[in-house]
């Protein structure tokens, strides 16, 4: 790699590393809030993630061809954080779906007059 292309790569890599750091901070904040059940502004987190992804896409386009070992290491670390975040989000989603199903079932049961229930007369179940 000649000196000119290396000089162009350094600022582009620095910009990308900075964007990765901001995205990692945002992902860490979201993951931590879900894991510790700490209230947070999900709209703000989503705005920050969107902004970080825009920065990342712009920074990647500015990279010259070739690799950078530090950059590869940071991308691998980001991938691990994203995998952890994805798992935590999937657990939260499954829990929310379960709560929704419970509430739906309770609402249907409370609205029913017992006409079609398995219990005769819609009264209490016999023991």
C-alpha atoms as a PDB file:
ATOM      1  CA  UNK A   1       0.000   0.000   0.000  1.00  0.00           C
ATOM      2  CA  UNK A   2       1.469   3.354  -0.971  1.00  0.00           C
ATOM      3  CA  UNK A   3       1.711   6.290   1.425  1.00  0.00           C
ATOM      4  CA  UNK A   4      -1.149   8.174  -0.265  1.00  0.00           C
ATOM      5  CA  UNK A   5      -3.673   5.339   0.093  1.00  0.00           C
ATOM      6  CA  UNK A   6      -2.543   4.688   3.688  1.00  0.00           C
ATOM      7  CA  UNK A   7      -3.058   8.372   4.507  1.00  0.00           C
ATOM      8  CA  UNK A   8      -6.573   8.208   3.023  1.00  0.00           C
ATOM      9  CA  UNK A   9      -7.323   5.030   4.956  1.00  0.00           C
ATOM     10  CA  UNK A  10      -6.387   6.342   8.383  1.00  0.00           C
ATOM     11  CA  UNK A  11      -9.113   9.035   8.621  1.00  0.00           C
ATOM     12  CA  UNK A  12     -11.698   6.713   7.059  1.00  0.00           C
ATOM     13  CA  UNK A  13     -10.848   3.931   9.523  1.00  0.00           C
ATOM     14  CA  UNK A  14     -10.861   6.384  12.427  1.00  0.00           C
ATOM     15  CA  UNK A  15     -14.308   7.625  11.374  1.00  0.00           C
ATOM     16  CA  UNK A  16     -15.634   4.085  11.107  1.00  0.00           C
ATOM     17  CA  UNK A  17     -14.128   3.082  14.462  1.00  0.00           C
ATOM     18  CA  UNK A  18     -15.786   6.094  16.069  1.00  0.00           C
ATOM     19  CA  UNK A  19     -19.157   5.149  14.550  1.00  0.00           C
ATOM     20  CA  UNK A  20     -18.738   1.560  15.760  1.00  0.00           C
ATOM     21  CA  UNK A  21     -17.973   2.836  19.262  1.00  0.00           C
ATOM     22  CA  UNK A  22     -21.146   4.939  19.328  1.00  0.00           C
ATOM     23  CA  UNK A  23     -23.218   2.001  18.099  1.00  0.00           C
ATOM     24  CA  UNK A  24     -21.656  -0.292  20.715  1.00  0.00           C
ATOM     25  CA  UNK A  25     -22.489   2.219  23.450  1.00  0.00           C
ATOM     26  CA  UNK A  26     -26.092   2.408  22.256  1.00  0.00           C
ATOM     27  CA  UNK A  27     -26.447  -1.384  21.990  1.00  0.00           C
ATOM     28  CA  UNK A  28     -24.859  -1.828  25.438  1.00  0.00           C
ATOM     29  CA  UNK A  29     -27.278   0.704  26.952  1.00  0.00           C
ATOM     30  CA  UNK A  30     -30.295  -1.044  25.449  1.00  0.00           C
ATOM     31  CA  UNK A  31     -29.127  -4.529  26.404  1.00  0.00           C
ATOM     32  CA  UNK A  32     -28.308  -3.431  29.936  1.00  0.00           C
ATOM     33  CA  UNK A  33     -31.671  -1.696  30.382  1.00  0.00           C
ATOM     34  CA  UNK A  34     -33.551  -4.808  29.313  1.00  0.00           C
ATOM     35  CA  UNK A  35     -31.396  -7.128  31.430  1.00  0.00           C
ATOM     36  CA  UNK A  36     -31.708  -4.990  34.564  1.00  0.00           C
ATOM     37  CA  UNK A  37     -35.342  -4.063  33.880  1.00  0.00           C
ATOM     38  CA  UNK A  38     -34.397  -0.394  34.046  1.00  0.00           C
ATOM     39  CA  UNK A  39     -36.903   1.980  32.428  1.00  0.00           C
ATOM     40  CA  UNK A  40     -35.566   3.717  29.318  1.00  0.00           C
ATOM     41  CA  UNK A  41     -36.816   5.691  26.345  1.00  0.00           C
ATOM     42  CA  UNK A  42     -37.049   3.083  23.591  1.00  0.00           C
ATOM     43  CA  UNK A  43     -37.812   5.738  20.964  1.00  0.00           C
ATOM     44  CA  UNK A  44     -34.582   7.542  21.842  1.00  0.00           C
ATOM     45  CA  UNK A  45     -32.599   4.290  21.692  1.00  0.00           C
ATOM     46  CA  UNK A  46     -34.114   3.532  18.283  1.00  0.00           C
ATOM     47  CA  UNK A  47     -33.242   7.033  17.046  1.00  0.00           C
ATOM     48  CA  UNK A  48     -29.671   6.582  18.252  1.00  0.00           C
ATOM     49  CA  UNK A  49     -29.398   3.178  16.561  1.00  0.00           C
ATOM     50  CA  UNK A  50     -30.751   4.583  13.288  1.00  0.00           C
ATOM     51  CA  UNK A  51     -28.303   7.484  13.437  1.00  0.00           C
ATOM     52  CA  UNK A  52     -25.417   5.095  14.160  1.00  0.00           C
ATOM     53  CA  UNK A  53     -26.364   2.829  11.257  1.00  0.00           C
ATOM     54  CA  UNK A  54     -26.448   5.823   8.928  1.00  0.00           C
ATOM     55  CA  UNK A  55     -22.995   6.885  10.151  1.00  0.00           C
ATOM     56  CA  UNK A  56     -21.705   3.336   9.679  1.00  0.00           C
ATOM     57  CA  UNK A  57     -23.007   3.056   6.133  1.00  0.00           C
ATOM     58  CA  UNK A  58     -21.451   6.401   5.184  1.00  0.00           C
ATOM     59  CA  UNK A  59     -18.145   5.556   6.847  1.00  0.00           C
ATOM     60  CA  UNK A  60     -17.929   2.151   5.159  1.00  0.00           C
ATOM     61  CA  UNK A  61     -18.402   3.738   1.726  1.00  0.00           C
ATOM     62  CA  UNK A  62     -15.432   6.023   2.417  1.00  0.00           C
ATOM     63  CA  UNK A  63     -13.082   3.123   3.145  1.00  0.00           C
ATOM     64  CA  UNK A  64     -10.470   2.425   0.523  1.00  0.00           C
ATOM     65  CA  UNK A  65      -9.918  -1.203  -0.516  1.00  0.00           C
ATOM     66  CA  UNK A  66      -7.844  -3.269   1.852  1.00  0.00           C
ATOM     67  CA  UNK A  67      -8.178  -4.365   5.422  1.00  0.00           C
ATOM     68  CA  UNK A  68      -7.270  -3.019   8.807  1.00  0.00           C
ATOM     69  CA  UNK A  69      -6.649  -5.472  11.669  1.00  0.00           C
ATOM     70  CA  UNK A  70      -8.026  -3.125  14.334  1.00  0.00           C
ATOM     71  CA  UNK A  71     -11.150  -2.569  12.300  1.00  0.00           C
ATOM     72  CA  UNK A  72     -11.697  -6.311  11.817  1.00  0.00           C
ATOM     73  CA  UNK A  73     -11.340  -6.834  15.571  1.00  0.00           C
ATOM     74  CA  UNK A  74     -13.845  -4.080  16.384  1.00  0.00           C
ATOM     75  CA  UNK A  75     -16.366  -5.425  13.861  1.00  0.00           C
ATOM     76  CA  UNK A  76     -16.064  -8.868  15.487  1.00  0.00           C
ATOM     77  CA  UNK A  77     -16.709  -7.296  18.899  1.00  0.00           C
ATOM     78  CA  UNK A  78     -19.706  -5.405  17.523  1.00  0.00           C
ATOM     79  CA  UNK A  79     -21.075  -8.640  16.089  1.00  0.00           C
ATOM     80  CA  UNK A  80     -20.889 -10.286  19.533  1.00  0.00           C
ATOM     81  CA  UNK A  81     -22.691  -7.353  21.157  1.00  0.00           C
ATOM     82  CA  UNK A  82     -25.378  -7.454  18.476  1.00  0.00           C
ATOM     83  CA  UNK A  83     -25.869 -11.193  18.987  1.00  0.00           C
ATOM     84  CA  UNK A  84     -26.293 -10.681  22.744  1.00  0.00           C
ATOM     85  CA  UNK A  85     -28.677  -7.785  22.131  1.00  0.00           C
ATOM     86  CA  UNK A  86     -30.689  -9.881  19.671  1.00  0.00           C
ATOM     87  CA  UNK A  87     -31.021 -12.671  22.240  1.00  0.00           C
ATOM     88  CA  UNK A  88     -32.132 -10.272  24.995  1.00  0.00           C
ATOM     89  CA  UNK A  89     -34.652  -8.651  22.640  1.00  0.00           C
ATOM     90  CA  UNK A  90     -36.035 -12.050  21.602  1.00  0.00           C
ATOM     91  CA  UNK A  91     -36.543 -12.984  25.273  1.00  0.00           C
ATOM     92  CA  UNK A  92     -38.353  -9.681  25.870  1.00  0.00           C
ATOM     93  CA  UNK A  93     -40.518 -10.202  22.795  1.00  0.00           C
ATOM     94  CA  UNK A  94     -41.441 -13.744  23.836  1.00  0.00           C
ATOM     95  CA  UNK A  95     -42.372 -12.504  27.317  1.00  0.00           C
ATOM     96  CA  UNK A  96     -44.502  -9.697  25.876  1.00  0.00           C
ATOM     97  CA  UNK A  97     -46.270 -12.161  23.566  1.00  0.00           C
ATOM     98  CA  UNK A  98     -46.990 -14.469  26.490  1.00  0.00           C
ATOM     99  CA  UNK A  99     -48.404 -11.611  28.571  1.00  0.00           C
ATOM    100  CA  UNK A 100     -50.499 -10.541  25.579  1.00  0.00           C
ATOM    101  CA  UNK A 101     -51.861 -14.070  25.182  1.00  0.00           C
ATOM    102  CA  UNK A 102     -52.748 -14.227  28.887  1.00  0.00           C
ATOM    103  CA  UNK A 103     -54.531 -10.866  28.727  1.00  0.00           C
ATOM    104  CA  UNK A 104     -56.358 -11.873  25.550  1.00  0.00           C
ATOM    105  CA  UNK A 105     -57.539 -15.122  27.138  1.00  0.00           C
ATOM    106  CA  UNK A 106     -58.649 -13.310  30.306  1.00  0.00           C
ATOM    107  CA  UNK A 107     -60.584 -10.716  28.307  1.00  0.00           C
ATOM    108  CA  UNK A 108     -62.352 -13.363  26.227  1.00  0.00           C
ATOM    109  CA  UNK A 109     -63.263 -15.323  29.347  1.00  0.00           C
ATOM    110  CA  UNK A 110     -64.584 -12.234  31.127  1.00  0.00           C
ATOM    111  CA  UNK A 111     -66.740 -11.282  28.122  1.00  0.00           C
ATOM    112  CA  UNK A 112     -68.166 -14.768  27.691  1.00  0.00           C
ATOM    113  CA  UNK A 113     -71.579 -15.547  29.172  1.00  0.00           C
ATOM    114  CA  UNK A 114     -70.700 -19.218  29.441  1.00  0.00           C
ATOM    115  CA  UNK A 115     -73.086 -20.342  26.727  1.00  0.00           C
ATOM    116  CA  UNK A 116     -70.395 -22.266  24.893  1.00  0.00           C
ATOM    117  CA  UNK A 117     -68.165 -23.163  27.828  1.00  0.00           C
ATOM    118  CA  UNK A 118     -67.293 -26.719  28.781  1.00  0.00           C
ATOM    119  CA  UNK A 119     -68.752 -26.146  32.253  1.00  0.00           C
ATOM    120  CA  UNK A 120     -72.517 -26.728  32.456  1.00  0.00           C
ATOM    121  CA  UNK A 121     -74.399 -23.509  33.128  1.00  0.00           C
ATOM    122  CA  UNK A 122     -71.233 -21.397  32.968  1.00  0.00           C
ATOM    123  CA  UNK A 123     -70.884 -21.611  36.746  1.00  0.00           C
ATOM    124  CA  UNK A 124     -67.966 -22.687  38.833  1.00  0.00           C
ATOM    125  CA  UNK A 125     -66.230 -25.915  38.031  1.00  0.00           C
ATOM    126  CA  UNK A 126     -67.088 -28.788  40.352  1.00  0.00           C
ATOM    127  CA  UNK A 127     -64.280 -30.374  42.295  1.00  0.00           C
END
